N, C-alpha and C. Protein backbone atom coordinates (compact mmCIF):
# COMPACT_ATOMS: atom_id res chain seq x y z
N MET A 1 -5.93 57.59 53.62
CA MET A 1 -7.14 56.59 54.22
C MET A 1 -6.79 55.34 54.82
N THR A 2 -7.42 55.02 55.62
CA THR A 2 -7.29 53.76 56.45
C THR A 2 -7.65 52.44 55.23
N ASP A 3 -6.63 51.60 55.43
CA ASP A 3 -6.85 50.24 54.63
C ASP A 3 -7.87 49.13 55.41
N TYR A 4 -9.17 49.59 54.52
CA TYR A 4 -10.12 48.12 55.19
C TYR A 4 -9.95 47.17 54.47
N SER A 5 -9.26 46.49 53.81
CA SER A 5 -9.49 45.43 53.03
C SER A 5 -9.32 44.53 53.75
N PHE A 6 -8.41 44.38 54.90
CA PHE A 6 -8.61 43.37 55.65
C PHE A 6 -9.52 43.31 57.14
N PHE A 7 -10.41 43.58 56.59
CA PHE A 7 -12.04 43.73 57.43
C PHE A 7 -12.28 42.28 57.32
N LYS A 8 -12.52 41.89 58.18
CA LYS A 8 -13.33 40.18 58.28
C LYS A 8 -14.25 39.71 59.62
N CYS A 9 -15.47 40.02 59.40
CA CYS A 9 -16.55 39.35 60.21
C CYS A 9 -16.34 37.91 60.43
N LYS A 10 -15.92 37.19 61.48
CA LYS A 10 -16.07 35.89 61.78
C LYS A 10 -17.66 35.61 61.69
N TYR A 11 -17.53 34.24 61.62
CA TYR A 11 -18.68 33.65 61.26
C TYR A 11 -19.56 33.44 62.73
N LEU A 12 -20.67 33.73 62.53
CA LEU A 12 -21.46 33.43 63.89
C LEU A 12 -22.80 32.85 63.25
N SER A 13 -23.24 31.71 63.88
CA SER A 13 -24.87 31.35 63.54
C SER A 13 -25.46 32.05 64.17
N LYS A 14 -26.74 31.93 63.70
CA LYS A 14 -28.08 32.85 64.22
C LYS A 14 -28.20 31.99 65.75
N LYS A 15 -27.92 30.65 66.15
CA LYS A 15 -28.24 30.22 67.39
C LYS A 15 -26.96 30.81 68.37
N ASP A 16 -25.78 31.02 67.48
CA ASP A 16 -24.73 31.35 68.63
C ASP A 16 -25.26 33.17 68.75
N LEU A 17 -25.64 34.13 68.09
CA LEU A 17 -25.75 35.26 68.16
C LEU A 17 -26.97 35.35 69.30
N ARG A 18 -27.99 34.92 69.24
CA ARG A 18 -28.98 34.57 70.09
C ARG A 18 -28.49 33.92 71.46
N ALA A 19 -27.80 32.91 71.37
CA ALA A 19 -27.10 32.44 72.49
C ALA A 19 -26.49 33.62 73.70
N GLU A 20 -25.46 34.63 72.62
CA GLU A 20 -24.69 35.51 73.10
C GLU A 20 -25.92 36.66 73.96
N ALA A 21 -26.95 36.82 73.36
CA ALA A 21 -27.77 37.92 73.86
C ALA A 21 -28.53 37.43 74.86
N GLU A 22 -29.03 36.06 75.30
CA GLU A 22 -29.70 35.38 75.98
C GLU A 22 -28.84 35.84 77.38
N LYS A 23 -27.21 35.55 77.03
CA LYS A 23 -26.38 35.38 78.05
C LYS A 23 -26.14 36.77 78.54
N PHE A 24 -25.90 37.78 77.76
CA PHE A 24 -25.96 38.86 78.09
C PHE A 24 -27.29 39.67 78.72
N ARG A 25 -28.55 39.13 78.35
CA ARG A 25 -29.35 39.73 79.07
C ARG A 25 -29.48 39.06 80.55
N GLU A 26 -29.13 38.22 80.84
CA GLU A 26 -29.42 37.18 82.12
C GLU A 26 -28.09 37.74 82.68
N GLN A 27 -27.20 38.33 82.91
CA GLN A 27 -25.90 38.82 83.17
C GLN A 27 -25.99 40.45 83.68
N TYR A 28 -26.62 41.09 82.40
CA TYR A 28 -26.60 42.48 82.58
C TYR A 28 -28.09 42.85 82.73
N TRP A 29 -28.91 42.59 82.59
CA TRP A 29 -30.99 42.58 83.05
C TRP A 29 -31.20 41.86 83.41
N PRO A 30 -30.83 41.04 84.82
CA PRO A 30 -31.74 39.69 85.34
C PRO A 30 -32.99 39.83 85.89
N ASN A 31 -33.72 41.28 86.04
CA ASN A 31 -34.91 40.71 86.62
C ASN A 31 -35.78 40.85 85.66
N GLY A 32 -35.18 40.87 84.35
CA GLY A 32 -36.15 40.94 83.11
C GLY A 32 -37.23 41.73 82.99
N VAL A 33 -37.20 42.71 83.68
CA VAL A 33 -38.42 43.65 83.44
C VAL A 33 -38.63 44.41 81.94
N LEU A 34 -39.50 44.44 81.23
CA LEU A 34 -39.49 45.19 79.83
C LEU A 34 -40.21 46.24 80.29
N PRO A 35 -40.14 47.41 79.21
CA PRO A 35 -38.88 47.21 78.13
C PRO A 35 -37.15 47.05 78.69
N VAL A 36 -36.13 46.78 78.43
CA VAL A 36 -34.77 46.73 78.57
C VAL A 36 -34.64 47.86 78.49
N ASN A 37 -33.99 48.70 79.84
CA ASN A 37 -33.33 50.03 80.10
C ASN A 37 -31.97 49.89 79.34
N MET A 38 -31.53 50.26 78.31
CA MET A 38 -30.22 50.09 77.34
C MET A 38 -29.21 51.18 78.00
N GLU A 39 -30.09 52.24 78.41
CA GLU A 39 -29.21 53.58 78.79
C GLU A 39 -28.60 53.07 80.67
N GLU A 40 -29.33 52.25 81.05
CA GLU A 40 -28.57 51.74 82.55
C GLU A 40 -27.74 50.98 81.98
N ILE A 41 -27.89 49.40 81.43
CA ILE A 41 -26.99 48.91 81.07
C ILE A 41 -26.09 49.45 80.64
N ILE A 42 -25.64 50.38 79.77
CA ILE A 42 -24.47 50.81 79.20
C ILE A 42 -23.88 51.87 79.97
N GLU A 43 -24.43 52.84 80.68
CA GLU A 43 -23.83 53.36 81.62
C GLU A 43 -23.60 52.99 82.99
N ALA A 44 -24.55 51.94 83.87
CA ALA A 44 -23.90 51.81 85.17
C ALA A 44 -23.62 50.27 85.21
N LYS A 45 -23.52 49.47 84.11
CA LYS A 45 -22.92 48.42 84.42
C LYS A 45 -21.84 47.88 83.33
N LEU A 46 -22.18 48.45 81.96
CA LEU A 46 -20.94 48.34 80.93
C LEU A 46 -19.63 49.11 81.19
N ASP A 47 -20.32 50.55 82.06
CA ASP A 47 -19.49 51.52 82.66
C ASP A 47 -18.76 52.02 81.16
N LEU A 48 -19.76 52.49 80.09
CA LEU A 48 -19.59 53.27 79.08
C LEU A 48 -20.14 54.67 78.95
N ASP A 49 -19.77 55.64 78.22
CA ASP A 49 -19.99 56.49 78.42
C ASP A 49 -20.98 56.70 77.22
N ILE A 50 -22.04 57.68 77.53
CA ILE A 50 -23.21 57.66 76.40
C ILE A 50 -22.83 59.31 76.13
N GLU A 51 -22.10 59.70 74.62
CA GLU A 51 -21.88 60.98 74.09
C GLU A 51 -22.76 61.59 73.24
N PRO A 52 -23.55 62.60 73.64
CA PRO A 52 -24.71 63.07 72.61
C PRO A 52 -23.54 63.96 71.59
N LEU A 53 -23.61 63.80 70.39
CA LEU A 53 -23.36 64.93 69.35
C LEU A 53 -23.88 65.41 68.21
N HIS A 54 -23.81 66.59 67.91
CA HIS A 54 -24.75 67.22 67.29
C HIS A 54 -24.39 66.78 65.39
N GLY A 55 -25.58 66.68 64.69
CA GLY A 55 -25.81 66.25 63.38
C GLY A 55 -24.98 64.88 62.79
N ILE A 56 -24.82 63.99 63.95
CA ILE A 56 -24.98 62.44 63.28
C ILE A 56 -25.71 61.95 62.20
N SER A 57 -27.11 61.83 62.69
CA SER A 57 -27.86 61.65 61.98
C SER A 57 -27.96 62.25 60.16
N GLU A 58 -27.31 63.40 60.25
CA GLU A 58 -27.58 64.24 59.30
C GLU A 58 -26.61 63.87 58.35
N LEU A 59 -25.46 63.36 59.28
CA LEU A 59 -23.84 63.76 58.34
C LEU A 59 -23.97 62.14 57.66
N ILE A 60 -24.21 61.18 58.74
CA ILE A 60 -23.67 59.90 57.89
C ILE A 60 -25.17 58.92 58.04
N ASN A 61 -26.34 59.58 58.50
CA ASN A 61 -27.21 58.92 58.49
C ASN A 61 -27.44 57.77 59.39
N ILE A 62 -27.06 57.85 60.53
CA ILE A 62 -27.22 57.05 61.61
C ILE A 62 -27.57 57.47 62.85
N ASP A 63 -27.85 56.87 64.07
CA ASP A 63 -28.22 57.67 64.93
C ASP A 63 -27.33 57.42 66.14
N ALA A 64 -26.10 56.69 66.21
CA ALA A 64 -24.97 55.99 67.02
C ALA A 64 -24.08 55.29 66.91
N TYR A 65 -23.05 55.43 67.26
CA TYR A 65 -21.91 54.30 66.64
C TYR A 65 -20.91 54.19 67.80
N LEU A 66 -20.45 53.06 67.95
CA LEU A 66 -19.41 52.94 69.10
C LEU A 66 -18.18 53.14 68.74
N LYS A 67 -17.60 53.76 70.04
CA LYS A 67 -15.99 54.15 69.60
C LYS A 67 -15.06 53.00 69.39
N SER A 68 -13.91 53.29 68.73
CA SER A 68 -13.27 52.13 68.68
C SER A 68 -12.31 51.83 69.75
N ASP A 69 -12.07 52.80 70.59
CA ASP A 69 -11.36 52.34 71.91
C ASP A 69 -12.28 51.52 72.98
N LEU A 70 -13.85 51.39 72.14
CA LEU A 70 -14.77 50.51 73.29
C LEU A 70 -15.13 51.59 74.42
N SER A 71 -15.20 52.94 74.77
CA SER A 71 -15.19 53.60 75.60
C SER A 71 -16.41 54.40 75.82
N GLY A 72 -17.31 54.23 74.77
CA GLY A 72 -18.19 55.03 74.73
C GLY A 72 -19.32 54.95 73.23
N ILE A 73 -20.14 54.98 73.34
CA ILE A 73 -21.45 55.11 72.30
C ILE A 73 -21.92 56.40 72.27
N VAL A 74 -21.45 57.05 70.85
CA VAL A 74 -21.49 58.71 70.74
C VAL A 74 -23.05 58.19 69.88
N VAL A 75 -24.11 58.94 69.92
CA VAL A 75 -25.80 59.54 69.80
C VAL A 75 -25.93 60.71 69.21
N ASP A 76 -26.67 60.64 68.34
CA ASP A 76 -27.31 62.04 67.75
C ASP A 76 -27.76 62.92 68.55
N TYR A 77 -27.46 64.23 68.94
CA TYR A 77 -27.63 64.87 69.99
C TYR A 77 -29.28 65.29 69.57
N LYS A 78 -29.89 65.53 68.64
CA LYS A 78 -30.95 65.79 68.40
C LYS A 78 -31.88 64.99 69.32
N GLN A 79 -31.67 63.80 68.73
CA GLN A 79 -32.74 62.53 68.93
C GLN A 79 -32.64 62.11 70.34
N TYR A 80 -31.39 62.43 71.05
CA TYR A 80 -31.18 61.77 72.47
C TYR A 80 -31.49 62.94 73.47
N MET A 81 -31.58 64.21 73.15
CA MET A 81 -32.12 65.04 73.98
C MET A 81 -33.49 65.33 73.60
N ASP A 82 -34.07 65.13 72.75
CA ASP A 82 -35.34 65.36 72.31
C ASP A 82 -36.78 65.29 73.32
N ASN A 83 -37.31 66.30 73.82
CA ASN A 83 -37.70 66.48 75.13
C ASN A 83 -39.11 65.85 74.97
N GLU A 84 -39.65 65.68 74.09
CA GLU A 84 -40.95 64.78 73.74
C GLU A 84 -40.69 63.11 73.52
N ASN A 85 -39.44 62.71 73.67
CA ASN A 85 -38.95 61.20 73.92
C ASN A 85 -39.63 60.30 72.42
N ARG A 86 -39.72 61.59 71.32
CA ARG A 86 -39.88 60.69 70.32
C ARG A 86 -39.08 59.80 69.41
N TYR A 87 -38.33 59.58 69.91
CA TYR A 87 -37.06 58.68 69.23
C TYR A 87 -36.52 57.47 70.16
N GLU A 88 -37.67 57.54 71.28
CA GLU A 88 -36.97 57.01 72.58
C GLU A 88 -36.65 55.05 71.68
N ARG A 89 -37.78 54.59 71.23
CA ARG A 89 -38.07 53.13 70.66
C ARG A 89 -36.48 53.40 69.50
N ARG A 90 -36.35 54.03 68.98
CA ARG A 90 -35.33 54.01 67.93
C ARG A 90 -33.89 54.01 68.69
N LEU A 91 -33.67 54.45 69.51
CA LEU A 91 -32.84 54.83 70.10
C LEU A 91 -32.38 53.56 71.05
N ARG A 92 -33.34 53.20 71.38
CA ARG A 92 -33.29 51.46 72.24
C ARG A 92 -32.79 50.69 71.44
N PHE A 93 -33.20 50.49 70.33
CA PHE A 93 -32.42 49.58 69.07
C PHE A 93 -31.01 50.03 68.86
N SER A 94 -31.16 51.52 68.92
CA SER A 94 -29.52 51.81 68.37
C SER A 94 -28.67 51.16 69.43
N PHE A 95 -29.06 51.38 70.72
CA PHE A 95 -28.00 51.50 72.09
C PHE A 95 -27.77 49.85 71.89
N ALA A 96 -29.11 49.10 71.74
CA ALA A 96 -28.87 47.47 71.70
C ALA A 96 -27.57 47.20 70.86
N HIS A 97 -28.20 47.74 69.53
CA HIS A 97 -27.30 47.65 68.43
C HIS A 97 -25.48 47.84 68.60
N GLU A 98 -25.34 48.64 69.34
CA GLU A 98 -24.10 49.04 69.39
C GLU A 98 -23.73 48.25 70.38
N THR A 99 -24.23 47.92 71.39
CA THR A 99 -23.66 47.08 72.43
C THR A 99 -23.46 45.93 71.89
N GLY A 100 -24.36 45.41 70.72
CA GLY A 100 -23.95 44.17 70.27
C GLY A 100 -22.72 44.25 69.20
N HIS A 101 -22.18 44.95 69.10
CA HIS A 101 -20.77 45.60 68.51
C HIS A 101 -19.80 45.33 69.42
N TYR A 102 -20.35 45.99 70.40
CA TYR A 102 -19.34 46.16 71.66
C TYR A 102 -18.86 44.73 72.00
N VAL A 103 -20.06 43.88 72.60
CA VAL A 103 -19.89 42.30 72.71
C VAL A 103 -19.64 41.38 72.01
N LEU A 104 -19.69 41.49 70.18
CA LEU A 104 -19.11 40.67 69.57
C LEU A 104 -18.03 41.17 68.54
N HIS A 105 -17.70 42.08 68.81
CA HIS A 105 -16.83 42.66 67.32
C HIS A 105 -15.70 43.70 68.05
N ASP A 106 -15.24 43.43 69.30
CA ASP A 106 -14.14 43.99 70.10
C ASP A 106 -12.97 43.87 68.81
N TYR A 107 -12.82 42.53 68.49
CA TYR A 107 -11.59 42.23 67.72
C TYR A 107 -11.33 43.18 66.06
N ILE A 108 -12.65 43.81 66.10
CA ILE A 108 -12.97 44.73 64.56
C ILE A 108 -12.48 46.21 65.31
N PHE A 109 -13.05 46.84 66.41
CA PHE A 109 -13.02 47.95 66.53
C PHE A 109 -11.60 48.15 67.12
N ASN A 110 -10.65 47.23 67.68
CA ASN A 110 -9.78 47.74 68.24
C ASN A 110 -8.78 47.58 66.98
N ASN A 111 -9.12 47.48 65.70
CA ASN A 111 -8.27 47.16 64.42
C ASN A 111 -8.17 48.55 63.85
N PHE A 112 -9.52 49.33 63.85
CA PHE A 112 -9.68 50.43 63.26
C PHE A 112 -9.76 51.75 63.91
N ASN A 113 -9.27 52.74 63.64
CA ASN A 113 -9.47 54.38 64.44
C ASN A 113 -10.20 55.10 64.08
N ILE A 114 -11.93 54.80 64.94
CA ILE A 114 -12.96 55.35 64.31
C ILE A 114 -13.05 56.43 65.84
N ASP A 115 -12.74 57.78 65.58
CA ASP A 115 -12.62 58.48 66.78
C ASP A 115 -13.56 59.57 66.24
N ASN A 116 -14.65 59.57 64.85
CA ASN A 116 -15.41 60.63 64.82
C ASN A 116 -16.49 60.49 63.74
N PRO A 117 -17.39 61.15 63.63
CA PRO A 117 -18.70 60.78 62.83
C PRO A 117 -17.80 60.52 60.82
N LYS A 118 -16.87 61.20 60.83
CA LYS A 118 -16.29 60.95 59.41
C LYS A 118 -15.51 59.72 59.27
N ASP A 119 -14.69 59.37 60.58
CA ASP A 119 -14.02 58.06 60.61
C ASP A 119 -15.08 57.17 60.18
N TYR A 120 -16.13 56.95 61.08
CA TYR A 120 -17.27 55.82 60.92
C TYR A 120 -17.95 55.96 59.47
N TYR A 121 -17.87 57.01 58.68
CA TYR A 121 -18.51 57.12 57.58
C TYR A 121 -17.51 56.19 56.42
N ASP A 122 -16.45 56.78 56.82
CA ASP A 122 -15.27 56.11 55.96
C ASP A 122 -15.15 54.40 55.76
N PHE A 123 -15.12 53.89 57.19
CA PHE A 123 -15.60 52.68 57.72
C PHE A 123 -17.24 52.13 56.66
N ILE A 124 -17.99 52.66 56.85
CA ILE A 124 -18.99 52.11 56.28
C ILE A 124 -18.81 52.19 54.95
N ILE A 125 -18.52 53.32 54.12
CA ILE A 125 -18.29 53.57 52.79
C ILE A 125 -17.32 52.41 51.97
N ASN A 126 -15.85 52.17 52.77
CA ASN A 126 -14.81 51.34 52.58
C ASN A 126 -15.01 49.80 52.86
N ALA A 127 -15.29 49.53 53.89
CA ALA A 127 -15.50 48.28 54.48
C ALA A 127 -15.92 47.63 53.24
N PRO A 128 -15.59 46.29 53.24
CA PRO A 128 -15.76 45.55 51.99
C PRO A 128 -17.22 44.83 52.72
N LYS A 129 -18.01 45.06 51.14
CA LYS A 129 -19.51 45.09 51.43
C LYS A 129 -20.24 43.61 51.99
N GLU A 130 -19.99 42.83 51.63
CA GLU A 130 -20.29 41.79 52.53
C GLU A 130 -20.36 41.24 53.80
N ASP A 131 -18.57 41.89 54.33
CA ASP A 131 -18.46 41.54 55.85
C ASP A 131 -19.12 42.63 56.23
N TYR A 132 -19.39 43.78 55.99
CA TYR A 132 -19.91 44.91 56.56
C TYR A 132 -21.36 44.58 56.82
N ARG A 133 -21.93 44.20 55.64
CA ARG A 133 -23.28 43.50 55.92
C ARG A 133 -23.82 42.70 56.81
N TYR A 134 -22.74 41.49 57.11
CA TYR A 134 -22.70 40.64 57.97
C TYR A 134 -22.68 41.34 59.13
N PHE A 135 -21.39 41.95 59.27
CA PHE A 135 -20.98 43.05 60.55
C PHE A 135 -22.44 43.48 61.24
N GLU A 136 -23.54 44.13 60.22
CA GLU A 136 -24.32 44.78 61.14
C GLU A 136 -25.58 43.66 61.27
N TYR A 137 -25.98 43.19 60.03
CA TYR A 137 -26.86 41.56 60.73
C TYR A 137 -26.30 41.21 61.82
N GLN A 138 -25.08 40.56 62.14
CA GLN A 138 -24.86 40.02 63.49
C GLN A 138 -25.68 41.13 64.83
N ALA A 139 -24.94 42.53 64.60
CA ALA A 139 -25.37 43.21 65.50
C ALA A 139 -27.11 43.46 65.68
N ASN A 140 -28.10 42.98 64.59
CA ASN A 140 -29.05 43.18 64.75
C ASN A 140 -29.74 42.33 65.46
N GLU A 141 -29.40 41.07 64.86
CA GLU A 141 -29.97 40.00 65.69
C GLU A 141 -29.65 40.15 67.19
N PHE A 142 -28.44 40.58 67.36
CA PHE A 142 -27.98 40.21 68.98
C PHE A 142 -29.16 41.01 69.52
N ALA A 143 -29.20 42.67 68.98
CA ALA A 143 -30.44 43.85 69.68
C ALA A 143 -31.60 43.39 69.49
N GLY A 144 -32.08 42.61 68.31
CA GLY A 144 -33.57 42.41 68.46
C GLY A 144 -33.72 40.83 69.40
N ARG A 145 -32.82 39.94 69.92
CA ARG A 145 -33.09 39.00 70.57
C ARG A 145 -32.82 39.71 72.21
N LEU A 146 -32.08 40.35 72.66
CA LEU A 146 -31.82 40.68 73.50
C LEU A 146 -32.95 41.88 74.34
N LEU A 147 -33.90 42.58 73.06
CA LEU A 147 -34.76 43.60 73.58
C LEU A 147 -36.10 42.78 73.39
N VAL A 148 -36.23 41.95 72.77
CA VAL A 148 -37.38 40.88 72.38
C VAL A 148 -37.51 39.38 72.65
N PRO A 149 -37.23 39.26 74.26
CA PRO A 149 -36.92 37.77 74.65
C PRO A 149 -38.07 37.24 73.50
N LYS A 150 -37.87 35.56 73.20
CA LYS A 150 -38.61 34.89 72.61
C LYS A 150 -39.82 34.45 73.18
N GLU A 151 -39.70 33.86 74.67
CA GLU A 151 -41.03 33.25 75.03
C GLU A 151 -42.19 34.80 75.62
N GLU A 152 -41.27 35.85 76.18
CA GLU A 152 -42.31 36.73 76.30
C GLU A 152 -42.72 37.10 75.05
N LEU A 153 -42.38 36.96 73.83
CA LEU A 153 -43.00 37.51 72.35
C LEU A 153 -43.92 36.39 72.54
N ILE A 154 -44.15 35.34 72.24
CA ILE A 154 -45.05 34.19 72.41
C ILE A 154 -45.97 34.49 73.16
N GLU A 155 -45.76 34.75 74.49
CA GLU A 155 -46.93 35.38 75.52
C GLU A 155 -48.00 36.43 74.81
N VAL A 156 -46.94 37.48 74.31
CA VAL A 156 -47.97 38.68 73.69
C VAL A 156 -48.49 38.05 72.48
N LEU A 157 -47.82 37.40 71.49
CA LEU A 157 -48.84 36.91 70.38
C LEU A 157 -50.00 36.26 70.79
N GLY A 158 -49.80 35.32 72.03
CA GLY A 158 -51.14 34.80 72.02
C GLY A 158 -52.44 35.68 72.84
N VAL A 159 -51.70 36.99 73.53
CA VAL A 159 -52.74 37.54 73.73
C VAL A 159 -53.57 38.00 72.57
N ALA A 160 -52.78 38.58 71.90
CA ALA A 160 -53.25 39.29 70.63
C ALA A 160 -54.09 38.57 69.67
N CYS A 161 -53.88 37.26 69.60
CA CYS A 161 -54.63 36.43 68.89
C CYS A 161 -56.06 36.23 69.89
N ASP A 162 -55.85 36.37 71.29
CA ASP A 162 -57.06 35.66 71.91
C ASP A 162 -58.18 37.00 71.68
N ALA A 163 -57.41 38.52 71.86
CA ALA A 163 -58.42 39.44 71.48
C ALA A 163 -59.21 39.83 70.46
N ILE A 164 -58.36 38.81 69.09
CA ILE A 164 -59.15 39.02 68.12
C ILE A 164 -60.12 38.19 67.73
N LYS A 165 -60.03 36.81 68.59
CA LYS A 165 -60.92 35.81 68.56
C LYS A 165 -62.09 36.59 69.18
N GLU A 166 -61.85 37.27 70.38
CA GLU A 166 -63.09 37.98 71.02
C GLU A 166 -63.79 38.48 70.40
N LYS A 167 -63.15 39.70 69.41
CA LYS A 167 -64.12 40.50 68.68
C LYS A 167 -64.78 39.90 67.56
N GLY A 168 -64.03 38.56 66.79
CA GLY A 168 -64.83 37.56 65.96
C GLY A 168 -64.62 38.46 64.50
N ASP A 169 -64.56 39.76 64.26
CA ASP A 169 -64.70 40.17 63.03
C ASP A 169 -63.54 39.68 62.16
N GLU A 170 -62.47 39.49 62.90
CA GLU A 170 -61.34 39.25 62.03
C GLU A 170 -60.61 37.87 62.35
N GLN A 171 -61.33 37.14 63.20
CA GLN A 171 -60.89 35.74 63.23
C GLN A 171 -60.60 34.71 62.18
N PHE A 172 -61.37 35.04 61.34
CA PHE A 172 -60.94 33.81 60.15
C PHE A 172 -59.56 34.47 59.23
N LEU A 173 -58.55 35.84 59.58
CA LEU A 173 -57.57 35.83 59.15
C LEU A 173 -56.29 35.07 59.99
N ILE A 174 -56.84 34.79 60.87
CA ILE A 174 -55.74 33.78 61.73
C ILE A 174 -55.50 32.61 61.04
N ASN A 175 -56.34 31.83 60.05
CA ASN A 175 -56.09 31.08 59.82
C ASN A 175 -55.78 30.80 58.35
N THR A 176 -56.09 32.28 57.76
CA THR A 176 -55.99 32.52 56.05
C THR A 176 -54.81 33.28 55.51
N ASP A 177 -54.85 34.47 56.71
CA ASP A 177 -53.57 35.10 56.45
C ASP A 177 -52.67 35.57 57.69
N LYS A 178 -51.85 34.79 58.23
CA LYS A 178 -51.22 35.01 59.33
C LYS A 178 -50.30 36.58 59.15
N ASP A 179 -50.12 36.70 58.21
CA ASP A 179 -48.99 38.05 57.77
C ASP A 179 -50.01 39.27 58.46
N ILE A 180 -51.06 39.37 57.61
CA ILE A 180 -52.11 40.29 57.65
C ILE A 180 -52.37 40.57 59.17
N VAL A 181 -52.10 39.65 59.74
CA VAL A 181 -52.75 39.46 61.48
C VAL A 181 -51.56 40.33 62.07
N LEU A 182 -50.45 39.73 61.44
CA LEU A 182 -49.17 40.31 62.30
C LEU A 182 -49.20 42.01 62.15
N LEU A 183 -49.49 42.15 60.98
CA LEU A 183 -48.96 43.52 60.54
C LEU A 183 -50.21 44.62 61.16
N GLY A 184 -51.52 44.00 61.25
CA GLY A 184 -52.45 44.60 62.07
C GLY A 184 -52.35 44.83 63.41
N SER A 185 -51.63 44.12 64.35
CA SER A 185 -51.39 43.76 65.82
C SER A 185 -49.88 44.12 65.93
N ALA A 186 -49.09 44.70 65.11
CA ALA A 186 -48.01 45.09 65.62
C ALA A 186 -48.07 46.06 66.49
N PRO A 187 -48.55 47.67 66.00
CA PRO A 187 -48.64 48.69 67.03
C PRO A 187 -48.98 47.70 68.46
N LYS A 188 -49.93 47.18 68.77
CA LYS A 188 -49.82 46.59 69.95
C LYS A 188 -48.69 45.62 70.38
N LEU A 189 -48.74 44.52 70.03
CA LEU A 189 -47.10 43.71 70.26
C LEU A 189 -45.93 44.65 70.45
N CYS A 190 -45.88 45.38 69.98
CA CYS A 190 -44.40 46.17 70.21
C CYS A 190 -44.23 46.99 71.85
N ARG A 191 -45.53 47.29 72.17
CA ARG A 191 -45.49 48.18 73.16
C ARG A 191 -44.63 47.56 74.26
N PRO A 192 -44.88 46.39 74.78
CA PRO A 192 -44.55 45.71 76.02
C PRO A 192 -42.73 45.94 76.06
N PHE A 193 -42.32 45.93 74.85
CA PHE A 193 -41.13 45.73 74.39
C PHE A 193 -40.02 47.08 74.58
N GLY A 194 -40.81 48.03 74.05
CA GLY A 194 -40.57 49.51 73.82
C GLY A 194 -39.32 49.42 72.54
N VAL A 195 -40.11 48.99 71.55
CA VAL A 195 -39.64 48.95 69.91
C VAL A 195 -40.43 49.52 69.13
N SER A 196 -39.76 49.31 67.99
CA SER A 196 -40.85 49.96 66.81
C SER A 196 -41.35 48.73 65.96
N GLU A 197 -42.84 49.00 65.54
CA GLU A 197 -43.51 47.73 64.89
C GLU A 197 -42.42 47.19 63.79
N GLU A 198 -41.32 47.93 63.20
CA GLU A 198 -40.70 47.29 62.39
C GLU A 198 -39.77 46.08 62.89
N VAL A 199 -39.32 46.70 64.28
CA VAL A 199 -38.53 45.33 64.69
C VAL A 199 -39.50 44.31 65.43
N ILE A 200 -40.60 44.54 65.69
CA ILE A 200 -41.18 43.34 66.08
C ILE A 200 -41.86 42.56 65.10
N ILE A 201 -42.41 43.25 64.05
CA ILE A 201 -42.29 42.30 62.82
C ILE A 201 -41.22 41.41 62.30
N ARG A 202 -40.05 42.05 62.29
CA ARG A 202 -39.35 41.27 62.20
C ARG A 202 -38.41 40.29 63.21
N ARG A 203 -38.77 40.36 64.41
CA ARG A 203 -38.57 39.48 65.21
C ARG A 203 -39.52 38.07 65.24
N VAL A 204 -40.74 38.48 65.02
CA VAL A 204 -41.84 37.29 65.04
C VAL A 204 -41.34 36.48 63.80
N ARG A 205 -41.11 37.28 62.40
CA ARG A 205 -40.71 36.45 61.67
C ARG A 205 -39.08 35.53 61.69
N GLU A 206 -38.18 36.30 62.30
CA GLU A 206 -36.77 35.61 62.34
C GLU A 206 -37.00 34.44 63.16
N GLU A 207 -37.90 34.62 64.51
CA GLU A 207 -38.08 33.42 65.51
C GLU A 207 -39.01 32.41 64.70
N GLY A 208 -39.62 32.65 63.71
CA GLY A 208 -40.27 31.75 62.99
C GLY A 208 -41.42 31.36 63.75
N LEU A 209 -42.17 32.70 64.48
CA LEU A 209 -43.18 32.50 65.16
C LEU A 209 -44.87 32.66 64.73
N LEU A 210 -44.72 32.81 63.37
CA LEU A 210 -46.21 32.93 62.51
C LEU A 210 -47.18 31.74 62.87
N LYS A 211 -46.50 30.68 63.13
CA LYS A 211 -47.00 29.52 63.55
C LYS A 211 -48.03 29.49 64.84
N HIS A 212 -47.72 30.68 65.94
CA HIS A 212 -48.21 30.71 67.15
C HIS A 212 -49.50 31.40 67.00
N ILE A 213 -49.62 32.40 65.71
CA ILE A 213 -50.76 33.09 65.43
C ILE A 213 -51.74 31.57 65.08
N LYS A 214 -52.64 31.64 65.92
CA LYS A 214 -53.57 30.56 65.93
C LYS A 214 -55.04 30.58 66.81
């Protein structure tokens, strides 16, 4: 069994993580069109392979993982090949998350031989828990800022608030319960970015943007 006791995730502040995401988007998605096309970035611009593989989500309860040689991202076959695109938003975030690992954590992946789902499962189970949680947090924060740029999110929030004011029936909530407004608006807020409601709610809170609900 691989010894993961030496696994250590370097400290990066939230500001550092967001700066890395902004720099990456400016370099690899300069047109700024939303939603961000992660497949195009991964395959055409990073020259990485996307490799569908059966049974990942059932075996290790994840949608995708980055290969330790940094040559590609393995993704659950059933989700990726779904003809109805039911997993499109979920996979966009998963691809952005794994891209975050690619950008931020090459020094980790180079030290561990992760070539199949079982290897990744062993990594998840045996890596030091605090470092693993921080490792995943960093990739999540990178992915969130990459897919949901702050200025565009502020703009979409403003549009949502204006719509509430025009309706009038929920306007009082803007001043009394901003969280309720956020939860109620999430289905519309997430659409321009092609992410889930959960992701958009987290971005508003992480970016401290509840104050823009006014």
